Amino acid sequence: MSAAPNLAPLTPQARLARDLRASANLLTRAEARYLVDIYYTMQDYRIRAGNQKRASTEDGEPHALVGWAFDSFETMENQIKGALGNYAKASTPGRWV
């Protein structure tokens, strides 16, 4: 008999992300549109931070904080994308497609 896998408890951020994805089923159309706007804003911030990180790396300048910002924007962008995906699956047009 094999032992159960050692599962680490979820971090508060992971729990929040899971709960937010689950609550995406309850979004209104207006809230979903707002999330789409936020998604594109986060995407723009991520691209800008990535460009700054790359330029700093090429110039040999410190870029740890810019790298952290890039990672944070990327994480938020992906979380919003997941929530919008759940919204689409839960909505009538999303199920049709």
PDB file of N, CA and C in Angstrom:
ATOM      1  N   MET A   1       0.858  -1.171   0.000  1.00  0.00           N
ATOM      2  CA  MET A   1       0.000   0.000   0.000  1.00  0.00           C
ATOM      3  C   MET A   1       0.900   1.229   0.000  1.00  0.00           C
ATOM      4  N   SER A   2       0.648   2.143  -0.899  1.00  0.00           N
ATOM      5  CA  SER A   2       1.492   3.337  -0.983  1.00  0.00           C
ATOM      6  C   SER A   2       0.989   4.408  -0.031  1.00  0.00           C
ATOM      7  N   ALA A   3       1.931   5.196   0.423  1.00  0.00           N
ATOM      8  CA  ALA A   3       1.590   6.276   1.342  1.00  0.00           C
ATOM      9  C   ALA A   3       0.935   7.419   0.571  1.00  0.00           C
ATOM     10  N   ALA A   4       0.102   8.147   1.248  1.00  0.00           N
ATOM     11  CA  ALA A   4      -0.541   9.309   0.625  1.00  0.00           C
ATOM     12  C   ALA A   4       0.520  10.359   0.308  1.00  0.00           C
ATOM     13  N   PRO A   5       0.363  11.062  -0.811  1.00  0.00           N
ATOM     14  CA  PRO A   5       1.354  12.079  -1.150  1.00  0.00           C
ATOM     15  C   PRO A   5       1.380  13.171  -0.088  1.00  0.00           C
ATOM     16  N   ASN A   6       2.549  13.719   0.118  1.00  0.00           N
ATOM     17  CA  ASN A   6       2.713  14.797   1.088  1.00  0.00           C
ATOM     18  C   ASN A   6       2.276  16.103   0.439  1.00  0.00           C
ATOM     19  N   LEU A   7       1.072  16.523   0.730  1.00  0.00           N
ATOM     20  CA  LEU A   7       0.539  17.746   0.144  1.00  0.00           C
ATOM     21  C   LEU A   7       0.767  18.909   1.094  1.00  0.00           C
ATOM     22  N   ALA A   8       1.451  19.923   0.597  1.00  0.00           N
ATOM     23  CA  ALA A   8       1.682  21.115   1.403  1.00  0.00           C
ATOM     24  C   ALA A   8       0.395  21.926   1.464  1.00  0.00           C
ATOM     25  N   PRO A   9       0.138  22.569   2.585  1.00  0.00           N
ATOM     26  CA  PRO A   9      -1.063  23.403   2.666  1.00  0.00           C
ATOM     27  C   PRO A   9      -0.944  24.569   1.694  1.00  0.00           C
ATOM     28  N   LEU A  10      -2.081  25.000   1.192  1.00  0.00           N
ATOM     29  CA  LEU A  10      -2.094  26.126   0.262  1.00  0.00           C
ATOM     30  C   LEU A  10      -1.693  27.409   0.965  1.00  0.00           C
ATOM     31  N   THR A  11      -0.938  28.234   0.277  1.00  0.00           N
ATOM     32  CA  THR A  11      -0.603  29.543   0.811  1.00  0.00           C
ATOM     33  C   THR A  11      -1.851  30.411   0.782  1.00  0.00           C
ATOM     34  N   PRO A  12      -1.870  31.498   1.554  1.00  0.00           N
ATOM     35  CA  PRO A  12      -3.035  32.395   1.498  1.00  0.00           C
ATOM     36  C   PRO A  12      -3.306  32.901   0.079  1.00  0.00           C
ATOM     37  N   GLN A  13      -2.244  33.169  -0.684  1.00  0.00           N
ATOM     38  CA  GLN A  13      -2.431  33.651  -2.052  1.00  0.00           C
ATOM     39  C   GLN A  13      -3.076  32.571  -2.920  1.00  0.00           C
ATOM     40  N   ALA A  14      -2.648  31.327  -2.752  1.00  0.00           N
ATOM     41  CA  ALA A  14      -3.215  30.231  -3.542  1.00  0.00           C
ATOM     42  C   ALA A  14      -4.673  30.001  -3.168  1.00  0.00           C
ATOM     43  N   ARG A  15      -4.986  30.080  -1.877  1.00  0.00           N
ATOM     44  CA  ARG A  15      -6.381  29.930  -1.453  1.00  0.00           C
ATOM     45  C   ARG A  15      -7.236  31.044  -2.034  1.00  0.00           C
ATOM     46  N   LEU A  16      -6.721  32.282  -2.007  1.00  0.00           N
ATOM     47  CA  LEU A  16      -7.461  33.414  -2.545  1.00  0.00           C
ATOM     48  C   LEU A  16      -7.687  33.226  -4.039  1.00  0.00           C
ATOM     49  N   ALA A  17      -6.659  32.799  -4.764  1.00  0.00           N
ATOM     50  CA  ALA A  17      -6.793  32.591  -6.199  1.00  0.00           C
ATOM     51  C   ALA A  17      -7.855  31.527  -6.481  1.00  0.00           C
ATOM     52  N   ARG A  18      -7.840  30.440  -5.716  1.00  0.00           N
ATOM     53  CA  ARG A  18      -8.821  29.367  -5.891  1.00  0.00           C
ATOM     54  C   ARG A  18     -10.229  29.884  -5.629  1.00  0.00           C
ATOM     55  N   ASP A  19     -10.397  30.652  -4.544  1.00  0.00           N
ATOM     56  CA  ASP A  19     -11.711  31.184  -4.197  1.00  0.00           C
ATOM     57  C   ASP A  19     -12.201  32.190  -5.239  1.00  0.00           C
ATOM     58  N   LEU A  20     -11.283  33.002  -5.752  1.00  0.00           N
ATOM     59  CA  LEU A  20     -11.676  33.987  -6.763  1.00  0.00           C
ATOM     60  C   LEU A  20     -12.100  33.301  -8.057  1.00  0.00           C
ATOM     61  N   ARG A  21     -11.385  32.259  -8.450  1.00  0.00           N
ATOM     62  CA  ARG A  21     -11.783  31.522  -9.661  1.00  0.00           C
ATOM     63  C   ARG A  21     -13.171  30.917  -9.472  1.00  0.00           C
ATOM     64  N   ALA A  22     -13.423  30.377  -8.295  1.00  0.00           N
ATOM     65  CA  ALA A  22     -14.725  29.772  -8.033  1.00  0.00           C
ATOM     66  C   ALA A  22     -15.833  30.823  -8.037  1.00  0.00           C
ATOM     67  N   SER A  23     -15.554  32.021  -7.531  1.00  0.00           N
ATOM     68  CA  SER A  23     -16.582  33.063  -7.484  1.00  0.00           C
ATOM     69  C   SER A  23     -16.813  33.709  -8.846  1.00  0.00           C
ATOM     70  N   ALA A  24     -15.971  33.410  -9.829  1.00  0.00           N
ATOM     71  CA  ALA A  24     -16.151  33.978 -11.165  1.00  0.00           C
ATOM     72  C   ALA A  24     -17.473  33.534 -11.773  1.00  0.00           C
ATOM     73  N   ASN A  25     -18.011  32.405 -11.326  1.00  0.00           N
ATOM     74  CA  ASN A  25     -19.306  31.939 -11.819  1.00  0.00           C
ATOM     75  C   ASN A  25     -20.429  32.913 -11.481  1.00  0.00           C
ATOM     76  N   LEU A  26     -20.214  33.759 -10.497  1.00  0.00           N
ATOM     77  CA  LEU A  26     -21.256  34.675 -10.031  1.00  0.00           C
ATOM     78  C   LEU A  26     -21.134  36.078 -10.630  1.00  0.00           C
ATOM     79  N   LEU A  27     -20.179  36.291 -11.515  1.00  0.00           N
ATOM     80  CA  LEU A  27     -19.972  37.626 -12.086  1.00  0.00           C
ATOM     81  C   LEU A  27     -21.140  38.052 -12.962  1.00  0.00           C
ATOM     82  N   THR A  28     -21.411  39.356 -12.940  1.00  0.00           N
ATOM     83  CA  THR A  28     -22.352  39.916 -13.897  1.00  0.00           C
ATOM     84  C   THR A  28     -21.586  40.253 -15.174  1.00  0.00           C
ATOM     85  N   ARG A  29     -22.309  40.558 -16.243  1.00  0.00           N
ATOM     86  CA  ARG A  29     -21.639  40.940 -17.494  1.00  0.00           C
ATOM     87  C   ARG A  29     -20.797  42.195 -17.296  1.00  0.00           C
ATOM     88  N   ALA A  30     -21.309  43.154 -16.530  1.00  0.00           N
ATOM     89  CA  ALA A  30     -20.568  44.400 -16.288  1.00  0.00           C
ATOM     90  C   ALA A  30     -19.276  44.116 -15.530  1.00  0.00           C
ATOM     91  N   GLU A  31     -19.338  43.227 -14.547  1.00  0.00           N
ATOM     92  CA  GLU A  31     -18.136  42.871 -13.792  1.00  0.00           C
ATOM     93  C   GLU A  31     -17.135  42.146 -14.672  1.00  0.00           C
ATOM     94  N   ALA A  32     -17.628  41.290 -15.553  1.00  0.00           N
ATOM     95  CA  ALA A  32     -16.733  40.575 -16.466  1.00  0.00           C
ATOM     96  C   ALA A  32     -16.052  41.562 -17.413  1.00  0.00           C
ATOM     97  N   ARG A  33     -16.787  42.539 -17.928  1.00  0.00           N
ATOM     98  CA  ARG A  33     -16.182  43.560 -18.796  1.00  0.00           C
ATOM     99  C   ARG A  33     -15.109  44.329 -18.051  1.00  0.00           C
ATOM    100  N   TYR A  34     -15.383  44.649 -16.791  1.00  0.00           N
ATOM    101  CA  TYR A  34     -14.399  45.352 -15.966  1.00  0.00           C
ATOM    102  C   TYR A  34     -13.146  44.502 -15.794  1.00  0.00           C
ATOM    103  N   LEU A  35     -13.310  43.209 -15.567  1.00  0.00           N
ATOM    104  CA  LEU A  35     -12.162  42.312 -15.434  1.00  0.00           C
ATOM    105  C   LEU A  35     -11.362  42.223 -16.734  1.00  0.00           C
ATOM    106  N   VAL A  36     -12.042  42.282 -17.870  1.00  0.00           N
ATOM    107  CA  VAL A  36     -11.342  42.286 -19.150  1.00  0.00           C
ATOM    108  C   VAL A  36     -10.465  43.527 -19.245  1.00  0.00           C
ATOM    109  N   ASP A  37     -10.999  44.674 -18.835  1.00  0.00           N
ATOM    110  CA  ASP A  37     -10.199  45.906 -18.834  1.00  0.00           C
ATOM    111  C   ASP A  37      -8.982  45.772 -17.925  1.00  0.00           C
ATOM    112  N   ILE A  38      -9.186  45.214 -16.735  1.00  0.00           N
ATOM    113  CA  ILE A  38      -8.076  45.026 -15.801  1.00  0.00           C
ATOM    114  C   ILE A  38      -7.055  44.051 -16.388  1.00  0.00           C
ATOM    115  N   TYR A  39      -7.535  43.010 -17.054  1.00  0.00           N
ATOM    116  CA  TYR A  39      -6.638  42.033 -17.676  1.00  0.00           C
ATOM    117  C   TYR A  39      -5.696  42.718 -18.657  1.00  0.00           C
ATOM    118  N   TYR A  40      -6.253  43.541 -19.533  1.00  0.00           N
ATOM    119  CA  TYR A  40      -5.407  44.214 -20.513  1.00  0.00           C
ATOM    120  C   TYR A  40      -4.470  45.230 -19.867  1.00  0.00           C
ATOM    121  N   THR A  41      -4.899  45.851 -18.785  1.00  0.00           N
ATOM    122  CA  THR A  41      -4.020  46.769 -18.052  1.00  0.00           C
ATOM    123  C   THR A  41      -2.854  45.996 -17.437  1.00  0.00           C
ATOM    124  N   MET A  42      -3.139  44.849 -16.792  1.00  0.00           N
ATOM    125  CA  MET A  42      -2.072  44.032 -16.212  1.00  0.00           C
ATOM    126  C   MET A  42      -1.123  43.537 -17.303  1.00  0.00           C
ATOM    127  N   GLN A  43      -1.676  43.177 -18.450  1.00  0.00           N
ATOM    128  CA  GLN A  43      -0.848  42.715 -19.555  1.00  0.00           C
ATOM    129  C   GLN A  43       0.107  43.824 -20.015  1.00  0.00           C
ATOM    130  N   ASP A  44      -0.404  45.040 -20.106  1.00  0.00           N
ATOM    131  CA  ASP A  44       0.436  46.181 -20.492  1.00  0.00           C
ATOM    132  C   ASP A  44       1.532  46.426 -19.455  1.00  0.00           C
ATOM    133  N   TYR A  45       1.170  46.378 -18.170  1.00  0.00           N
ATOM    134  CA  TYR A  45       2.166  46.551 -17.106  1.00  0.00           C
ATOM    135  C   TYR A  45       3.234  45.456 -17.164  1.00  0.00           C
ATOM    136  N   ARG A  46       2.789  44.199 -17.404  1.00  0.00           N
ATOM    137  CA  ARG A  46       3.741  43.089 -17.487  1.00  0.00           C
ATOM    138  C   ARG A  46       4.720  43.296 -18.639  1.00  0.00           C
ATOM    139  N   ILE A  47       4.203  43.703 -19.771  1.00  0.00           N
ATOM    140  CA  ILE A  47       5.068  43.939 -20.934  1.00  0.00           C
ATOM    141  C   ILE A  47       6.062  45.057 -20.641  1.00  0.00           C
ATOM    142  N   ARG A  48       5.593  46.132 -20.040  1.00  0.00           N
ATOM    143  CA  ARG A  48       6.488  47.244 -19.698  1.00  0.00           C
ATOM    144  C   ARG A  48       7.564  46.814 -18.711  1.00  0.00           C
ATOM    145  N   ALA A  49       7.150  46.083 -17.675  1.00  0.00           N
ATOM    146  CA  ALA A  49       8.122  45.621 -16.682  1.00  0.00           C
ATOM    147  C   ALA A  49       9.127  44.669 -17.314  1.00  0.00           C
ATOM    148  N   GLY A  50       8.661  43.817 -18.230  1.00  0.00           N
ATOM    149  CA  GLY A  50       9.571  42.910 -18.928  1.00  0.00           C
ATOM    150  C   GLY A  50      10.592  43.667 -19.757  1.00  0.00           C
ATOM    151  N   ASN A  51      10.144  44.727 -20.418  1.00  0.00           N
ATOM    152  CA  ASN A  51      11.066  45.551 -21.199  1.00  0.00           C
ATOM    153  C   ASN A  51      12.088  46.243 -20.301  1.00  0.00           C
ATOM    154  N   GLN A  52      11.620  46.749 -19.159  1.00  0.00           N
ATOM    155  CA  GLN A  52      12.539  47.405 -18.218  1.00  0.00           C
ATOM    156  C   GLN A  52      13.535  46.405 -17.645  1.00  0.00           C
ATOM    157  N   LYS A  53      13.066  45.217 -17.336  1.00  0.00           N
ATOM    158  CA  LYS A  53      13.947  44.186 -16.793  1.00  0.00           C
ATOM    159  C   LYS A  53      15.016  43.812 -17.814  1.00  0.00           C
ATOM    160  N   ARG A  54      14.595  43.617 -19.064  1.00  0.00           N
ATOM    161  CA  ARG A  54      15.545  43.259 -20.111  1.00  0.00           C
ATOM    162  C   ARG A  54      16.570  44.374 -20.330  1.00  0.00           C
ATOM    163  N   ALA A  55      16.116  45.629 -20.365  1.00  0.00           N
ATOM    164  CA  ALA A  55      17.026  46.751 -20.562  1.00  0.00           C
ATOM    165  C   ALA A  55      17.998  46.872 -19.391  1.00  0.00           C
ATOM    166  N   SER A  56      17.509  46.675 -18.176  1.00  0.00           N
ATOM    167  CA  SER A  56      18.383  46.748 -17.002  1.00  0.00           C
ATOM    168  C   SER A  56      19.416  45.639 -17.017  1.00  0.00           C
ATOM    169  N   THR A  57      18.997  44.459 -17.438  1.00  0.00           N
ATOM    170  CA  THR A  57      19.919  43.324 -17.523  1.00  0.00           C
ATOM    171  C   THR A  57      21.017  43.617 -18.540  1.00  0.00           C
ATOM    172  N   GLU A  58      20.626  44.136 -19.691  1.00  0.00           N
ATOM    173  CA  GLU A  58      21.600  44.448 -20.740  1.00  0.00           C
ATOM    174  C   GLU A  58      22.585  45.533 -20.295  1.00  0.00           C
ATOM    175  N   ASP A  59      22.113  46.487 -19.479  1.00  0.00           N
ATOM    176  CA  ASP A  59      22.963  47.577 -18.999  1.00  0.00           C
ATOM    177  C   ASP A  59      23.739  47.204 -17.747  1.00  0.00           C
ATOM    178  N   GLY A  60      23.495  46.009 -17.216  1.00  0.00           N
ATOM    179  CA  GLY A  60      24.192  45.578 -16.007  1.00  0.00           C
ATOM    180  C   GLY A  60      23.704  46.285 -14.754  1.00  0.00           C
ATOM    181  N   GLU A  61      22.486  46.817 -14.783  1.00  0.00           N
ATOM    182  CA  GLU A  61      21.923  47.517 -13.622  1.00  0.00           C
ATOM    183  C   GLU A  61      21.120  46.542 -12.768  1.00  0.00           C
ATOM    184  N   PRO A  62      20.962  46.855 -11.486  1.00  0.00           N
ATOM    185  CA  PRO A  62      20.131  46.002 -10.631  1.00  0.00           C
ATOM    186  C   PRO A  62      18.686  46.005 -11.141  1.00  0.00           C
ATOM    187  N   HIS A  63      18.042  44.850 -11.084  1.00  0.00           N
ATOM    188  CA  HIS A  63      16.679  44.767 -11.592  1.00  0.00           C
ATOM    189  C   HIS A  63      15.801  43.793 -10.798  1.00  0.00           C
ATOM    190  N   ALA A  64      16.180  43.493  -9.586  1.00  0.00           N
ATOM    191  CA  ALA A  64      15.424  42.522  -8.790  1.00  0.00           C
ATOM    192  C   ALA A  64      13.996  43.002  -8.538  1.00  0.00           C
ATOM    193  N   LEU A  65      13.819  44.268  -8.212  1.00  0.00           N
ATOM    194  CA  LEU A  65      12.483  44.780  -7.924  1.00  0.00           C
ATOM    195  C   LEU A  65      11.627  44.818  -9.184  1.00  0.00           C
ATOM    196  N   VAL A  66      12.234  45.191 -10.298  1.00  0.00           N
ATOM    197  CA  VAL A  66      11.501  45.194 -11.564  1.00  0.00           C
ATOM    198  C   VAL A  66      11.115  43.759 -11.932  1.00  0.00           C
ATOM    199  N   GLY A  67      11.997  42.810 -11.664  1.00  0.00           N
ATOM    200  CA  GLY A  67      11.683  41.403 -11.910  1.00  0.00           C
ATOM    201  C   GLY A  67      10.534  40.923 -11.050  1.00  0.00           C
ATOM    202  N   TRP A  68      10.516  41.362  -9.796  1.00  0.00           N
ATOM    203  CA  TRP A  68       9.407  41.012  -8.902  1.00  0.00           C
ATOM    204  C   TRP A  68       8.105  41.594  -9.439  1.00  0.00           C
ATOM    205  N   ALA A  69       8.137  42.854  -9.913  1.00  0.00           N
ATOM    206  CA  ALA A  69       6.937  43.475 -10.471  1.00  0.00           C
ATOM    207  C   ALA A  69       6.463  42.697 -11.693  1.00  0.00           C
ATOM    208  N   PHE A  70       7.389  42.321 -12.558  1.00  0.00           N
ATOM    209  CA  PHE A  70       7.051  41.528 -13.748  1.00  0.00           C
ATOM    210  C   PHE A  70       6.339  40.241 -13.341  1.00  0.00           C
ATOM    211  N   ASP A  71       6.918  39.511 -12.390  1.00  0.00           N
ATOM    212  CA  ASP A  71       6.319  38.254 -11.931  1.00  0.00           C
ATOM    213  C   ASP A  71       4.934  38.481 -11.327  1.00  0.00           C
ATOM    214  N   SER A  72       4.779  39.562 -10.555  1.00  0.00           N
ATOM    215  CA  SER A  72       3.490  39.870  -9.927  1.00  0.00           C
ATOM    216  C   SER A  72       2.430  40.189 -10.972  1.00  0.00           C
ATOM    217  N   PHE A  73       2.778  41.007 -11.958  1.00  0.00           N
ATOM    218  CA  PHE A  73       1.825  41.344 -13.021  1.00  0.00           C
ATOM    219  C   PHE A  73       1.441  40.102 -13.818  1.00  0.00           C
ATOM    220  N   GLU A  74       2.420  39.241 -14.074  1.00  0.00           N
ATOM    221  CA  GLU A  74       2.148  38.012 -14.816  1.00  0.00           C
ATOM    222  C   GLU A  74       1.196  37.114 -14.032  1.00  0.00           C
ATOM    223  N   THR A  75       1.414  37.008 -12.720  1.00  0.00           N
ATOM    224  CA  THR A  75       0.544  36.198 -11.872  1.00  0.00           C
ATOM    225  C   THR A  75      -0.877  36.746 -11.870  1.00  0.00           C
ATOM    226  N   MET A  76      -1.008  38.071 -11.693  1.00  0.00           N
ATOM    227  CA  MET A  76      -2.345  38.664 -11.677  1.00  0.00           C
ATOM    228  C   MET A  76      -3.036  38.501 -13.026  1.00  0.00           C
ATOM    229  N   GLU A  77      -2.289  38.683 -14.098  1.00  0.00           N
ATOM    230  CA  GLU A  77      -2.844  38.505 -15.439  1.00  0.00           C
ATOM    231  C   GLU A  77      -3.388  37.086 -15.614  1.00  0.00           C
ATOM    232  N   ASN A  78      -2.627  36.098 -15.187  1.00  0.00           N
ATOM    233  CA  ASN A  78      -3.061  34.704 -15.320  1.00  0.00           C
ATOM    234  C   ASN A  78      -4.258  34.380 -14.431  1.00  0.00           C
ATOM    235  N   GLN A  79      -4.300  34.967 -13.242  1.00  0.00           N
ATOM    236  CA  GLN A  79      -5.436  34.730 -12.355  1.00  0.00           C
ATOM    237  C   GLN A  79      -6.713  35.320 -12.933  1.00  0.00           C
ATOM    238  N   ILE A  80      -6.608  36.508 -13.500  1.00  0.00           N
ATOM    239  CA  ILE A  80      -7.781  37.134 -14.110  1.00  0.00           C
ATOM    240  C   ILE A  80      -8.232  36.325 -15.323  1.00  0.00           C
ATOM    241  N   LYS A  81      -7.271  35.857 -16.114  1.00  0.00           N
ATOM    242  CA  LYS A  81      -7.600  35.040 -17.286  1.00  0.00           C
ATOM    243  C   LYS A  81      -8.345  33.781 -16.845  1.00  0.00           C
ATOM    244  N   GLY A  82      -7.893  33.150 -15.774  1.00  0.00           N
ATOM    245  CA  GLY A  82      -8.570  31.963 -15.267  1.00  0.00           C
ATOM    246  C   GLY A  82      -9.987  32.262 -14.791  1.00  0.00           C
ATOM    247  N   ALA A  83     -10.145  33.381 -14.097  1.00  0.00           N
ATOM    248  CA  ALA A  83     -11.474  33.772 -13.618  1.00  0.00           C
ATOM    249  C   ALA A  83     -12.407  34.046 -14.795  1.00  0.00           C
ATOM    250  N   LEU A  84     -11.903  34.717 -15.816  1.00  0.00           N
ATOM    251  CA  LEU A  84     -12.733  34.990 -16.989  1.00  0.00           C
ATOM    252  C   LEU A  84     -13.073  33.703 -17.736  1.00  0.00           C
ATOM    253  N   GLY A  85     -12.161  32.756 -17.737  1.00  0.00           N
ATOM    254  CA  GLY A  85     -12.456  31.460 -18.338  1.00  0.00           C
ATOM    255  C   GLY A  85     -13.578  30.745 -17.601  1.00  0.00           C
ATOM    256  N   ASN A  86     -13.543  30.801 -16.278  1.00  0.00           N
ATOM    257  CA  ASN A  86     -14.614  30.192 -15.484  1.00  0.00           C
ATOM    258  C   ASN A  86     -15.940  30.904 -15.727  1.00  0.00           C
ATOM    259  N   TYR A  87     -15.888  32.229 -15.843  1.00  0.00           N
ATOM    260  CA  TYR A  87     -17.101  32.999 -16.143  1.00  0.00           C
ATOM    261  C   TYR A  87     -17.672  32.562 -17.489  1.00  0.00           C
ATOM    262  N   ALA A  88     -16.801  32.424 -18.487  1.00  0.00           N
ATOM    263  CA  ALA A  88     -17.261  32.035 -19.820  1.00  0.00           C
ATOM    264  C   ALA A  88     -17.894  30.643 -19.798  1.00  0.00           C
ATOM    265  N   LYS A  89     -17.294  29.718 -19.049  1.00  0.00           N
ATOM    266  CA  LYS A  89     -17.854  28.361 -18.969  1.00  0.00           C
ATOM    267  C   LYS A  89     -19.215  28.358 -18.278  1.00  0.00           C
ATOM    268  N   ALA A  90     -19.402  29.281 -17.327  1.00  0.00           N
ATOM    269  CA  ALA A  90     -20.643  29.318 -16.556  1.00  0.00           C
ATOM    270  C   ALA A  90     -21.751  30.092 -17.269  1.00  0.00           C
ATOM    271  N   SER A  91     -21.385  30.923 -18.234  1.00  0.00           N
ATOM    272  CA  SER A  91     -22.396  31.739 -18.917  1.00  0.00           C
ATOM    273  C   SER A  91     -22.981  30.966 -20.095  1.00  0.00           C
ATOM    274  N   THR A  92     -24.181  31.306 -20.459  1.00  0.00           N
ATOM    275  CA  THR A  92     -24.863  30.623 -21.549  1.00  0.00           C
ATOM    276  C   THR A  92     -24.097  30.701 -22.864  1.00  0.00           C
ATOM    277  N   PRO A  93     -23.631  31.902 -23.305  1.00  0.00           N
ATOM    278  CA  PRO A  93     -22.851  31.942 -24.552  1.00  0.00           C
ATOM    279  C   PRO A  93     -21.556  31.148 -24.432  1.00  0.00           C
ATOM    280  N   GLY A  94     -20.940  31.156 -23.301  1.00  0.00           N
ATOM    281  CA  GLY A  94     -19.691  30.415 -23.109  1.00  0.00           C
ATOM    282  C   GLY A  94     -19.897  28.924 -23.230  1.00  0.00           C
ATOM    283  N   ARG A  95     -21.005  28.426 -22.699  1.00  0.00           N
ATOM    284  CA  ARG A  95     -21.309  26.993 -22.802  1.00  0.00           C
ATOM    285  C   ARG A  95     -21.637  26.619 -24.243  1.00  0.00           C
ATOM    286  N   TRP A  96     -22.263  27.537 -24.980  1.00  0.00           N
ATOM    287  CA  TRP A  96     -22.629  27.276 -26.368  1.00  0.00           C
ATOM    288  C   TRP A  96     -21.383  27.132 -27.238  1.00  0.00           C
ATOM    289  N   VAL A  97     -20.395  27.998 -27.009  1.00  0.00           N
ATOM    290  CA  VAL A  97     -19.188  27.965 -27.820  1.00  0.00           C
ATOM    291  C   VAL A  97     -18.408  26.713 -27.464  1.00  0.00           C
TER     292      VAL A  97
END
